[in-house]
């Protein structure tokens, strides 16, 4: 009788556990069958599971039934970085509206803003399965991540002369005290700057709401996103414009490239940028 009861409980558990699609070779991090309850929240969890190679992995910030593809940097300064912004060749336009930044765009194996993977990336998962089970991510999932754990932020930069620099912030969160993160404007909080040669261009933006050309939430009389050809946590307007136009180095236009003012000023558009978070 006890054995039958135990078997019944096991079957009930299996039937009530949400299905998690297995990882494909192109999206690593779930090669072994696991219960959804064990799915990773971020790249820190991926690293702890033994996957310590740079690449695209699935994480689950929204819950066990909603996989989200992200690029994990497993080598920089000990690894475990969840990358939420990546640019390196100008192949993806970042001059986009509010919904794109809320939901995400691009691909995690290329340039992206908390991007989504297409059907080719998911391999064994059919396109219709992916589209119904696995939406893109965006500002909302960035908020969810920083709501569940304390994170540090690292911003890696590279110019067209192969010089590199970075800036780190010991505390990073999105809308930490908001009842509704979107109504709060996905406001930015950063503190604890550490200089890696780039200087501090982000603390000026702390406390600001995210702005796009179709949702002006900055403190300037005009729309900073439109003026700067980007989208960011603008104030009046910016010292950092990492989602600006990919202008390929020095440019004549003012402050509308991929600018990090404390390193290269307002007339130099960077070659590569990565914004990434790791548990503090």
C-alpha atoms as a PDB file:
ATOM      1  CA  UNK A   1       0.000   0.000   0.000  1.00  0.00           C
ATOM      2  CA  UNK A   2       2.829   2.399   0.893  1.00  0.00           C
ATOM      3  CA  UNK A   3       4.589   1.589  -2.364  1.00  0.00           C
ATOM      4  CA  UNK A   4       1.403   2.243  -4.327  1.00  0.00           C
ATOM      5  CA  UNK A   5       0.904   5.555  -2.522  1.00  0.00           C
ATOM      6  CA  UNK A   6       4.493   6.594  -3.231  1.00  0.00           C
ATOM      7  CA  UNK A   7       4.085   5.692  -6.911  1.00  0.00           C
ATOM      8  CA  UNK A   8       0.871   7.705  -7.101  1.00  0.00           C
ATOM      9  CA  UNK A   9       2.571  10.735  -5.572  1.00  0.00           C
ATOM     10  CA  UNK A  10       5.455  10.420  -8.027  1.00  0.00           C
ATOM     11  CA  UNK A  11       3.075  10.261 -11.009  1.00  0.00           C
ATOM     12  CA  UNK A  12       1.194  13.279  -9.690  1.00  0.00           C
ATOM     13  CA  UNK A  13       4.448  15.213  -9.387  1.00  0.00           C
ATOM     14  CA  UNK A  14       5.507  14.321 -12.918  1.00  0.00           C
ATOM     15  CA  UNK A  15       2.139  15.299 -14.365  1.00  0.00           C
ATOM     16  CA  UNK A  16       2.062  18.616 -12.500  1.00  0.00           C
ATOM     17  CA  UNK A  17       5.625  19.618 -13.406  1.00  0.00           C
ATOM     18  CA  UNK A  18       5.693  22.093 -16.337  1.00  0.00           C
ATOM     19  CA  UNK A  19       7.388  20.809 -19.469  1.00  0.00           C
ATOM     20  CA  UNK A  20      10.778  22.299 -20.258  1.00  0.00           C
ATOM     21  CA  UNK A  21      12.015  21.872 -23.809  1.00  0.00           C
ATOM     22  CA  UNK A  22      15.505  20.338 -23.893  1.00  0.00           C
ATOM     23  CA  UNK A  23      18.393  22.514 -25.006  1.00  0.00           C
ATOM     24  CA  UNK A  24      19.757  22.129 -28.522  1.00  0.00           C
ATOM     25  CA  UNK A  25      23.473  22.106 -29.403  1.00  0.00           C
ATOM     26  CA  UNK A  26      23.258  25.750 -30.489  1.00  0.00           C
ATOM     27  CA  UNK A  27      21.814  26.856 -27.171  1.00  0.00           C
ATOM     28  CA  UNK A  28      23.721  25.193 -24.391  1.00  0.00           C
ATOM     29  CA  UNK A  29      23.058  25.011 -20.693  1.00  0.00           C
ATOM     30  CA  UNK A  30      20.409  22.301 -20.465  1.00  0.00           C
ATOM     31  CA  UNK A  31      21.985  19.287 -22.116  1.00  0.00           C
ATOM     32  CA  UNK A  32      20.767  16.979 -19.355  1.00  0.00           C
ATOM     33  CA  UNK A  33      17.108  16.417 -18.572  1.00  0.00           C
ATOM     34  CA  UNK A  34      16.187  18.364 -15.451  1.00  0.00           C
ATOM     35  CA  UNK A  35      13.080  19.345 -13.583  1.00  0.00           C
ATOM     36  CA  UNK A  36      11.907  22.843 -14.449  1.00  0.00           C
ATOM     37  CA  UNK A  37      12.433  23.742 -10.824  1.00  0.00           C
ATOM     38  CA  UNK A  38      16.172  23.391 -11.408  1.00  0.00           C
ATOM     39  CA  UNK A  39      16.330  25.684 -14.419  1.00  0.00           C
ATOM     40  CA  UNK A  40      18.893  28.500 -14.133  1.00  0.00           C
ATOM     41  CA  UNK A  41      17.920  32.050 -13.286  1.00  0.00           C
ATOM     42  CA  UNK A  42      21.020  33.589 -14.860  1.00  0.00           C
ATOM     43  CA  UNK A  43      24.523  32.832 -16.137  1.00  0.00           C
ATOM     44  CA  UNK A  44      25.746  32.437 -12.568  1.00  0.00           C
ATOM     45  CA  UNK A  45      23.509  29.369 -12.257  1.00  0.00           C
ATOM     46  CA  UNK A  46      24.657  28.147 -15.686  1.00  0.00           C
ATOM     47  CA  UNK A  47      28.272  28.384 -14.535  1.00  0.00           C
ATOM     48  CA  UNK A  48      27.456  26.479 -11.339  1.00  0.00           C
ATOM     49  CA  UNK A  49      25.963  23.684 -13.445  1.00  0.00           C
ATOM     50  CA  UNK A  50      29.371  23.178 -15.051  1.00  0.00           C
ATOM     51  CA  UNK A  51      28.901  25.076 -18.324  1.00  0.00           C
ATOM     52  CA  UNK A  52      31.862  27.437 -18.377  1.00  0.00           C
ATOM     53  CA  UNK A  53      32.293  28.286 -22.061  1.00  0.00           C
ATOM     54  CA  UNK A  54      31.185  31.572 -23.613  1.00  0.00           C
ATOM     55  CA  UNK A  55      27.994  31.213 -25.610  1.00  0.00           C
ATOM     56  CA  UNK A  56      24.211  31.316 -25.774  1.00  0.00           C
ATOM     57  CA  UNK A  57      22.315  29.602 -22.956  1.00  0.00           C
ATOM     58  CA  UNK A  58      18.741  29.442 -21.734  1.00  0.00           C
ATOM     59  CA  UNK A  59      17.793  31.119 -18.462  1.00  0.00           C
ATOM     60  CA  UNK A  60      14.404  31.384 -16.748  1.00  0.00           C
ATOM     61  CA  UNK A  61      13.861  34.780 -15.069  1.00  0.00           C
ATOM     62  CA  UNK A  62      10.096  34.692 -15.752  1.00  0.00           C
ATOM     63  CA  UNK A  63       9.618  31.187 -14.387  1.00  0.00           C
ATOM     64  CA  UNK A  64      10.245  27.538 -15.249  1.00  0.00           C
ATOM     65  CA  UNK A  65       8.050  27.456 -18.354  1.00  0.00           C
ATOM     66  CA  UNK A  66       9.520  30.512 -20.112  1.00  0.00           C
ATOM     67  CA  UNK A  67      13.097  29.988 -21.381  1.00  0.00           C
ATOM     68  CA  UNK A  68      15.030  33.092 -22.386  1.00  0.00           C
ATOM     69  CA  UNK A  69      18.185  32.919 -24.551  1.00  0.00           C
ATOM     70  CA  UNK A  70      21.085  35.099 -23.426  1.00  0.00           C
ATOM     71  CA  UNK A  71      24.776  35.324 -24.135  1.00  0.00           C
ATOM     72  CA  UNK A  72      26.895  34.284 -21.156  1.00  0.00           C
ATOM     73  CA  UNK A  73      30.406  35.674 -20.778  1.00  0.00           C
ATOM     74  CA  UNK A  74      32.153  32.905 -18.855  1.00  0.00           C
ATOM     75  CA  UNK A  75      35.729  34.206 -19.168  1.00  0.00           C
ATOM     76  CA  UNK A  76      35.918  37.927 -18.321  1.00  0.00           C
ATOM     77  CA  UNK A  77      37.056  38.461 -14.747  1.00  0.00           C
ATOM     78  CA  UNK A  78      35.960  35.027 -13.615  1.00  0.00           C
ATOM     79  CA  UNK A  79      32.905  34.796 -15.852  1.00  0.00           C
ATOM     80  CA  UNK A  80      29.259  34.298 -14.852  1.00  0.00           C
ATOM     81  CA  UNK A  81      28.177  37.476 -16.678  1.00  0.00           C
ATOM     82  CA  UNK A  82      24.662  37.657 -18.132  1.00  0.00           C
ATOM     83  CA  UNK A  83      24.980  39.953 -21.160  1.00  0.00           C
ATOM     84  CA  UNK A  84      21.934  42.109 -21.864  1.00  0.00           C
ATOM     85  CA  UNK A  85      23.377  44.478 -24.472  1.00  0.00           C
ATOM     86  CA  UNK A  86      25.925  43.548 -27.129  1.00  0.00           C
ATOM     87  CA  UNK A  87      27.138  45.478 -30.170  1.00  0.00           C
ATOM     88  CA  UNK A  88      30.148  44.841 -32.364  1.00  0.00           C
ATOM     89  CA  UNK A  89      29.455  45.381 -36.084  1.00  0.00           C
ATOM     90  CA  UNK A  90      26.402  47.579 -36.645  1.00  0.00           C
ATOM     91  CA  UNK A  91      24.330  44.764 -38.164  1.00  0.00           C
ATOM     92  CA  UNK A  92      21.322  45.478 -35.932  1.00  0.00           C
ATOM     93  CA  UNK A  93      19.570  48.840 -35.663  1.00  0.00           C
ATOM     94  CA  UNK A  94      19.202  50.042 -32.073  1.00  0.00           C
ATOM     95  CA  UNK A  95      17.163  53.131 -32.992  1.00  0.00           C
ATOM     96  CA  UNK A  96      13.902  51.511 -31.968  1.00  0.00           C
ATOM     97  CA  UNK A  97      10.711  52.252 -30.089  1.00  0.00           C
ATOM     98  CA  UNK A  98       9.482  51.433 -26.611  1.00  0.00           C
ATOM     99  CA  UNK A  99       7.956  48.024 -27.328  1.00  0.00           C
ATOM    100  CA  UNK A 100      11.170  46.734 -28.904  1.00  0.00           C
ATOM    101  CA  UNK A 101      13.177  47.663 -25.831  1.00  0.00           C
ATOM    102  CA  UNK A 102      10.530  46.323 -23.508  1.00  0.00           C
ATOM    103  CA  UNK A 103      10.342  42.968 -25.328  1.00  0.00           C
ATOM    104  CA  UNK A 104      13.870  42.682 -26.723  1.00  0.00           C
ATOM    105  CA  UNK A 105      15.341  42.429 -30.206  1.00  0.00           C
ATOM    106  CA  UNK A 106      18.249  40.948 -32.106  1.00  0.00           C
ATOM    107  CA  UNK A 107      19.747  37.520 -31.442  1.00  0.00           C
ATOM    108  CA  UNK A 108      21.765  36.420 -28.462  1.00  0.00           C
ATOM    109  CA  UNK A 109      24.425  34.985 -30.793  1.00  0.00           C
ATOM    110  CA  UNK A 110      24.840  38.388 -32.463  1.00  0.00           C
ATOM    111  CA  UNK A 111      24.038  41.996 -31.674  1.00  0.00           C
ATOM    112  CA  UNK A 112      21.076  42.249 -29.349  1.00  0.00           C
ATOM    113  CA  UNK A 113      19.210  43.896 -26.535  1.00  0.00           C
ATOM    114  CA  UNK A 114      18.143  40.970 -24.374  1.00  0.00           C
ATOM    115  CA  UNK A 115      17.356  39.390 -27.710  1.00  0.00           C
ATOM    116  CA  UNK A 116      15.358  36.392 -28.762  1.00  0.00           C
ATOM    117  CA  UNK A 117      16.469  33.323 -30.675  1.00  0.00           C
ATOM    118  CA  UNK A 118      14.893  32.408 -33.980  1.00  0.00           C
ATOM    119  CA  UNK A 119      13.674  28.951 -35.062  1.00  0.00           C
ATOM    120  CA  UNK A 120      17.059  27.985 -36.536  1.00  0.00           C
ATOM    121  CA  UNK A 121      18.695  28.427 -33.143  1.00  0.00           C
ATOM    122  CA  UNK A 122      16.318  26.200 -31.297  1.00  0.00           C
ATOM    123  CA  UNK A 123      16.931  23.245 -33.580  1.00  0.00           C
ATOM    124  CA  UNK A 124      14.691  20.462 -32.349  1.00  0.00           C
ATOM    125  CA  UNK A 125      12.053  22.932 -31.184  1.00  0.00           C
ATOM    126  CA  UNK A 126       9.678  23.666 -34.036  1.00  0.00           C
ATOM    127  CA  UNK A 127       9.044  27.292 -34.954  1.00  0.00           C
ATOM    128  CA  UNK A 128       5.458  27.263 -33.718  1.00  0.00           C
ATOM    129  CA  UNK A 129       6.546  25.805 -30.365  1.00  0.00           C
ATOM    130  CA  UNK A 130       9.177  28.482 -29.924  1.00  0.00           C
ATOM    131  CA  UNK A 131       6.800  31.286 -30.829  1.00  0.00           C
ATOM    132  CA  UNK A 132       4.164  30.139 -28.375  1.00  0.00           C
ATOM    133  CA  UNK A 133       6.368  29.139 -25.459  1.00  0.00           C
ATOM    134  CA  UNK A 134       9.380  31.331 -25.569  1.00  0.00           C
ATOM    135  CA  UNK A 135       8.873  35.095 -26.036  1.00  0.00           C
ATOM    136  CA  UNK A 136      11.664  37.623 -26.269  1.00  0.00           C
ATOM    137  CA  UNK A 137      12.883  39.262 -23.120  1.00  0.00           C
ATOM    138  CA  UNK A 138      13.743  42.948 -22.715  1.00  0.00           C
ATOM    139  CA  UNK A 139      13.515  45.481 -19.921  1.00  0.00           C
ATOM    140  CA  UNK A 140      10.855  43.516 -18.074  1.00  0.00           C
ATOM    141  CA  UNK A 141      13.076  40.471 -17.592  1.00  0.00           C
ATOM    142  CA  UNK A 142      15.996  42.683 -16.662  1.00  0.00           C
ATOM    143  CA  UNK A 143      13.765  44.088 -13.935  1.00  0.00           C
ATOM    144  CA  UNK A 144      12.766  40.583 -12.827  1.00  0.00           C
ATOM    145  CA  UNK A 145      16.385  39.459 -12.591  1.00  0.00           C
ATOM    146  CA  UNK A 146      17.474  42.398 -10.452  1.00  0.00           C
ATOM    147  CA  UNK A 147      14.377  41.996  -8.304  1.00  0.00           C
ATOM    148  CA  UNK A 148      15.352  38.430  -7.397  1.00  0.00           C
ATOM    149  CA  UNK A 149      19.094  38.874  -6.852  1.00  0.00           C
ATOM    150  CA  UNK A 150      21.618  41.627  -6.137  1.00  0.00           C
ATOM    151  CA  UNK A 151      23.767  42.328  -9.192  1.00  0.00           C
ATOM    152  CA  UNK A 152      26.869  44.207 -10.206  1.00  0.00           C
ATOM    153  CA  UNK A 153      27.180  45.742 -13.674  1.00  0.00           C
ATOM    154  CA  UNK A 154      30.160  45.719 -16.002  1.00  0.00           C
ATOM    155  CA  UNK A 155      30.324  47.808 -19.193  1.00  0.00           C
ATOM    156  CA  UNK A 156      33.008  46.646 -21.637  1.00  0.00           C
ATOM    157  CA  UNK A 157      34.090  49.027 -24.401  1.00  0.00           C
ATOM    158  CA  UNK A 158      36.388  48.833 -27.410  1.00  0.00           C
ATOM    159  CA  UNK A 159      37.335  51.455 -30.000  1.00  0.00           C
ATOM    160  CA  UNK A 160      38.403  51.024 -33.617  1.00  0.00           C
ATOM    161  CA  UNK A 161      42.077  51.183 -32.657  1.00  0.00           C
ATOM    162  CA  UNK A 162      41.645  47.985 -30.571  1.00  0.00           C
ATOM    163  CA  UNK A 163      41.900  49.837 -27.269  1.00  0.00           C
ATOM    164  CA  UNK A 164      39.675  48.459 -24.526  1.00  0.00           C
ATOM    165  CA  UNK A 165      38.334  49.806 -21.249  1.00  0.00           C
ATOM    166  CA  UNK A 166      35.575  49.040 -18.807  1.00  0.00           C
ATOM    167  CA  UNK A 167      33.480  50.537 -16.029  1.00  0.00           C
ATOM    168  CA  UNK A 168      31.995  48.562 -13.145  1.00  0.00           C
ATOM    169  CA  UNK A 169      29.219  49.348 -10.705  1.00  0.00           C
ATOM    170  CA  UNK A 170      28.854  47.343  -7.509  1.00  0.00           C
ATOM    171  CA  UNK A 171      25.073  47.859  -7.406  1.00  0.00           C
ATOM    172  CA  UNK A 172      22.751  47.671 -10.394  1.00  0.00           C
ATOM    173  CA  UNK A 173      18.980  47.300 -10.555  1.00  0.00           C
ATOM    174  CA  UNK A 174      15.984  48.250 -12.674  1.00  0.00           C
ATOM    175  CA  UNK A 175      12.913  49.786 -10.997  1.00  0.00           C
ATOM    176  CA  UNK A 176      13.862  48.265  -7.605  1.00  0.00           C
ATOM    177  CA  UNK A 177      11.050  49.920  -5.629  1.00  0.00           C
ATOM    178  CA  UNK A 178       8.328  50.002  -8.250  1.00  0.00           C
ATOM    179  CA  UNK A 179       4.901  48.402  -7.941  1.00  0.00           C
ATOM    180  CA  UNK A 180       4.745  48.389 -11.747  1.00  0.00           C
ATOM    181  CA  UNK A 181       8.143  48.480 -13.429  1.00  0.00           C
ATOM    182  CA  UNK A 182       6.782  49.726 -16.754  1.00  0.00           C
ATOM    183  CA  UNK A 183       4.764  52.515 -15.164  1.00  0.00           C
ATOM    184  CA  UNK A 184       7.923  53.432 -13.274  1.00  0.00           C
ATOM    185  CA  UNK A 185       9.679  53.659 -16.632  1.00  0.00           C
ATOM    186  CA  UNK A 186      12.154  50.853 -15.870  1.00  0.00           C
ATOM    187  CA  UNK A 187      14.237  53.348 -13.922  1.00  0.00           C
ATOM    188  CA  UNK A 188      17.962  52.728 -13.559  1.00  0.00           C
ATOM    189  CA  UNK A 189      19.867  52.451 -10.300  1.00  0.00           C
ATOM    190  CA  UNK A 190      23.673  52.192 -10.244  1.00  0.00           C
ATOM    191  CA  UNK A 191      26.193  52.859  -7.476  1.00  0.00           C
ATOM    192  CA  UNK A 192      29.689  51.836  -6.421  1.00  0.00           C
ATOM    193  CA  UNK A 193      31.679  52.858  -9.498  1.00  0.00           C
ATOM    194  CA  UNK A 194      35.004  51.117 -10.180  1.00  0.00           C
ATOM    195  CA  UNK A 195      37.182  52.482 -12.970  1.00  0.00           C
ATOM    196  CA  UNK A 196      38.625  50.127 -15.561  1.00  0.00           C
ATOM    197  CA  UNK A 197      39.971  52.951 -17.682  1.00  0.00           C
ATOM    198  CA  UNK A 198      36.650  54.054 -19.169  1.00  0.00           C
ATOM    199  CA  UNK A 199      35.669  56.612 -16.569  1.00  0.00           C
ATOM    200  CA  UNK A 200      32.211  57.014 -15.086  1.00  0.00           C
ATOM    201  CA  UNK A 201      29.633  57.975 -17.699  1.00  0.00           C
ATOM    202  CA  UNK A 202      26.693  56.142 -16.146  1.00  0.00           C
ATOM    203  CA  UNK A 203      26.216  57.510 -12.621  1.00  0.00           C
ATOM    204  CA  UNK A 204      24.780  60.663 -14.190  1.00  0.00           C
ATOM    205  CA  UNK A 205      21.915  58.488 -15.498  1.00  0.00           C
ATOM    206  CA  UNK A 206      21.090  56.793 -12.193  1.00  0.00           C
ATOM    207  CA  UNK A 207      17.501  57.382 -11.128  1.00  0.00           C
ATOM    208  CA  UNK A 208      16.323  58.072 -14.662  1.00  0.00           C
ATOM    209  CA  UNK A 209      13.543  56.384 -16.594  1.00  0.00           C
ATOM    210  CA  UNK A 210      14.223  54.633 -19.885  1.00  0.00           C
ATOM    211  CA  UNK A 211      13.393  56.762 -22.936  1.00  0.00           C
ATOM    212  CA  UNK A 212      12.813  55.995 -26.600  1.00  0.00           C
ATOM    213  CA  UNK A 213      11.844  58.209 -29.513  1.00  0.00           C
ATOM    214  CA  UNK A 214       8.197  57.263 -28.980  1.00  0.00           C
ATOM    215  CA  UNK A 215       8.226  57.493 -25.168  1.00  0.00           C
ATOM    216  CA  UNK A 216       9.989  60.587 -23.875  1.00  0.00           C
ATOM    217  CA  UNK A 217      10.710  60.187 -20.147  1.00  0.00           C
ATOM    218  CA  UNK A 218      13.858  62.297 -19.751  1.00  0.00           C
ATOM    219  CA  UNK A 219      14.260  65.673 -18.034  1.00  0.00           C
ATOM    220  CA  UNK A 220      15.175  67.634 -21.155  1.00  0.00           C
ATOM    221  CA  UNK A 221      12.751  69.937 -22.975  1.00  0.00           C
ATOM    222  CA  UNK A 222      13.237  67.944 -26.163  1.00  0.00           C
ATOM    223  CA  UNK A 223      13.295  64.174 -26.716  1.00  0.00           C
ATOM    224  CA  UNK A 224      16.819  62.978 -25.899  1.00  0.00           C
ATOM    225  CA  UNK A 225      16.276  59.624 -27.611  1.00  0.00           C
ATOM    226  CA  UNK A 226      15.368  61.337 -30.870  1.00  0.00           C
ATOM    227  CA  UNK A 227      18.185  63.869 -30.558  1.00  0.00           C
ATOM    228  CA  UNK A 228      20.746  61.174 -29.730  1.00  0.00           C
ATOM    229  CA  UNK A 229      19.469  58.574 -32.225  1.00  0.00           C
ATOM    230  CA  UNK A 230      19.202  55.936 -29.538  1.00  0.00           C
ATOM    231  CA  UNK A 231      17.345  54.765 -26.443  1.00  0.00           C
ATOM    232  CA  UNK A 232      18.653  54.900 -22.887  1.00  0.00           C
ATOM    233  CA  UNK A 233      18.127  56.127 -19.344  1.00  0.00           C
ATOM    234  CA  UNK A 234      18.526  59.721 -20.504  1.00  0.00           C
ATOM    235  CA  UNK A 235      18.656  62.686 -18.163  1.00  0.00           C
ATOM    236  CA  UNK A 236      19.410  65.990 -19.948  1.00  0.00           C
ATOM    237  CA  UNK A 237      20.562  64.272 -22.178  1.00  0.00           C
ATOM    238  CA  UNK A 238      23.519  61.899 -21.624  1.00  0.00           C
ATOM    239  CA  UNK A 239      27.127  61.009 -20.948  1.00  0.00           C
ATOM    240  CA  UNK A 240      26.487  57.466 -22.196  1.00  0.00           C
ATOM    241  CA  UNK A 241      24.590  56.579 -25.370  1.00  0.00           C
ATOM    242  CA  UNK A 242      25.420  52.923 -25.914  1.00  0.00           C
ATOM    243  CA  UNK A 243      22.341  52.354 -28.073  1.00  0.00           C
ATOM    244  CA  UNK A 244      23.138  55.204 -30.467  1.00  0.00           C
ATOM    245  CA  UNK A 245      23.989  54.976 -34.167  1.00  0.00           C
ATOM    246  CA  UNK A 246      26.895  52.718 -35.163  1.00  0.00           C
ATOM    247  CA  UNK A 247      29.005  55.461 -36.782  1.00  0.00           C
ATOM    248  CA  UNK A 248      32.371  53.694 -36.984  1.00  0.00           C
ATOM    249  CA  UNK A 249      34.690  55.865 -34.913  1.00  0.00           C
ATOM    250  CA  UNK A 250      35.077  59.630 -35.178  1.00  0.00           C
ATOM    251  CA  UNK A 251      31.993  61.487 -36.384  1.00  0.00           C
ATOM    252  CA  UNK A 252      31.000  65.102 -36.963  1.00  0.00           C
ATOM    253  CA  UNK A 253      27.487  64.849 -35.536  1.00  0.00           C
ATOM    254  CA  UNK A 254      27.100  65.588 -31.838  1.00  0.00           C
ATOM    255  CA  UNK A 255      26.437  62.815 -29.296  1.00  0.00           C
ATOM    256  CA  UNK A 256      24.397  60.482 -31.511  1.00  0.00           C
ATOM    257  CA  UNK A 257      26.886  57.627 -31.900  1.00  0.00           C
ATOM    258  CA  UNK A 258      27.764  54.825 -29.491  1.00  0.00           C
ATOM    259  CA  UNK A 259      29.245  57.316 -27.062  1.00  0.00           C
ATOM    260  CA  UNK A 260      30.856  56.930 -23.651  1.00  0.00           C
ATOM    261  CA  UNK A 261      31.812  60.519 -22.984  1.00  0.00           C
ATOM    262  CA  UNK A 262      34.315  60.018 -20.184  1.00  0.00           C
ATOM    263  CA  UNK A 263      36.444  57.798 -22.403  1.00  0.00           C
ATOM    264  CA  UNK A 264      36.065  58.984 -25.998  1.00  0.00           C
ATOM    265  CA  UNK A 265      33.835  62.041 -25.810  1.00  0.00           C
ATOM    266  CA  UNK A 266      30.718  62.906 -27.807  1.00  0.00           C
ATOM    267  CA  UNK A 267      32.269  62.670 -31.284  1.00  0.00           C
ATOM    268  CA  UNK A 268      33.520  59.071 -31.245  1.00  0.00           C
ATOM    269  CA  UNK A 269      31.289  56.060 -31.863  1.00  0.00           C
ATOM    270  CA  UNK A 270      32.658  52.866 -30.334  1.00  0.00           C
ATOM    271  CA  UNK A 271      33.306  49.584 -32.126  1.00  0.00           C
ATOM    272  CA  UNK A 272      32.137  47.194 -29.420  1.00  0.00           C
ATOM    273  CA  UNK A 273      30.057  47.470 -26.272  1.00  0.00           C
ATOM    274  CA  UNK A 274      28.715  44.932 -23.816  1.00  0.00           C
ATOM    275  CA  UNK A 275      26.537  45.590 -20.783  1.00  0.00           C
ATOM    276  CA  UNK A 276      26.517  42.587 -18.479  1.00  0.00           C
ATOM    277  CA  UNK A 277      25.459  41.721 -14.947  1.00  0.00           C
ATOM    278  CA  UNK A 278      26.634  39.206 -12.362  1.00  0.00           C
ATOM    279  CA  UNK A 279      25.466  38.389  -8.855  1.00  0.00           C
ATOM    280  CA  UNK A 280      27.196  40.593  -6.338  1.00  0.00           C
END
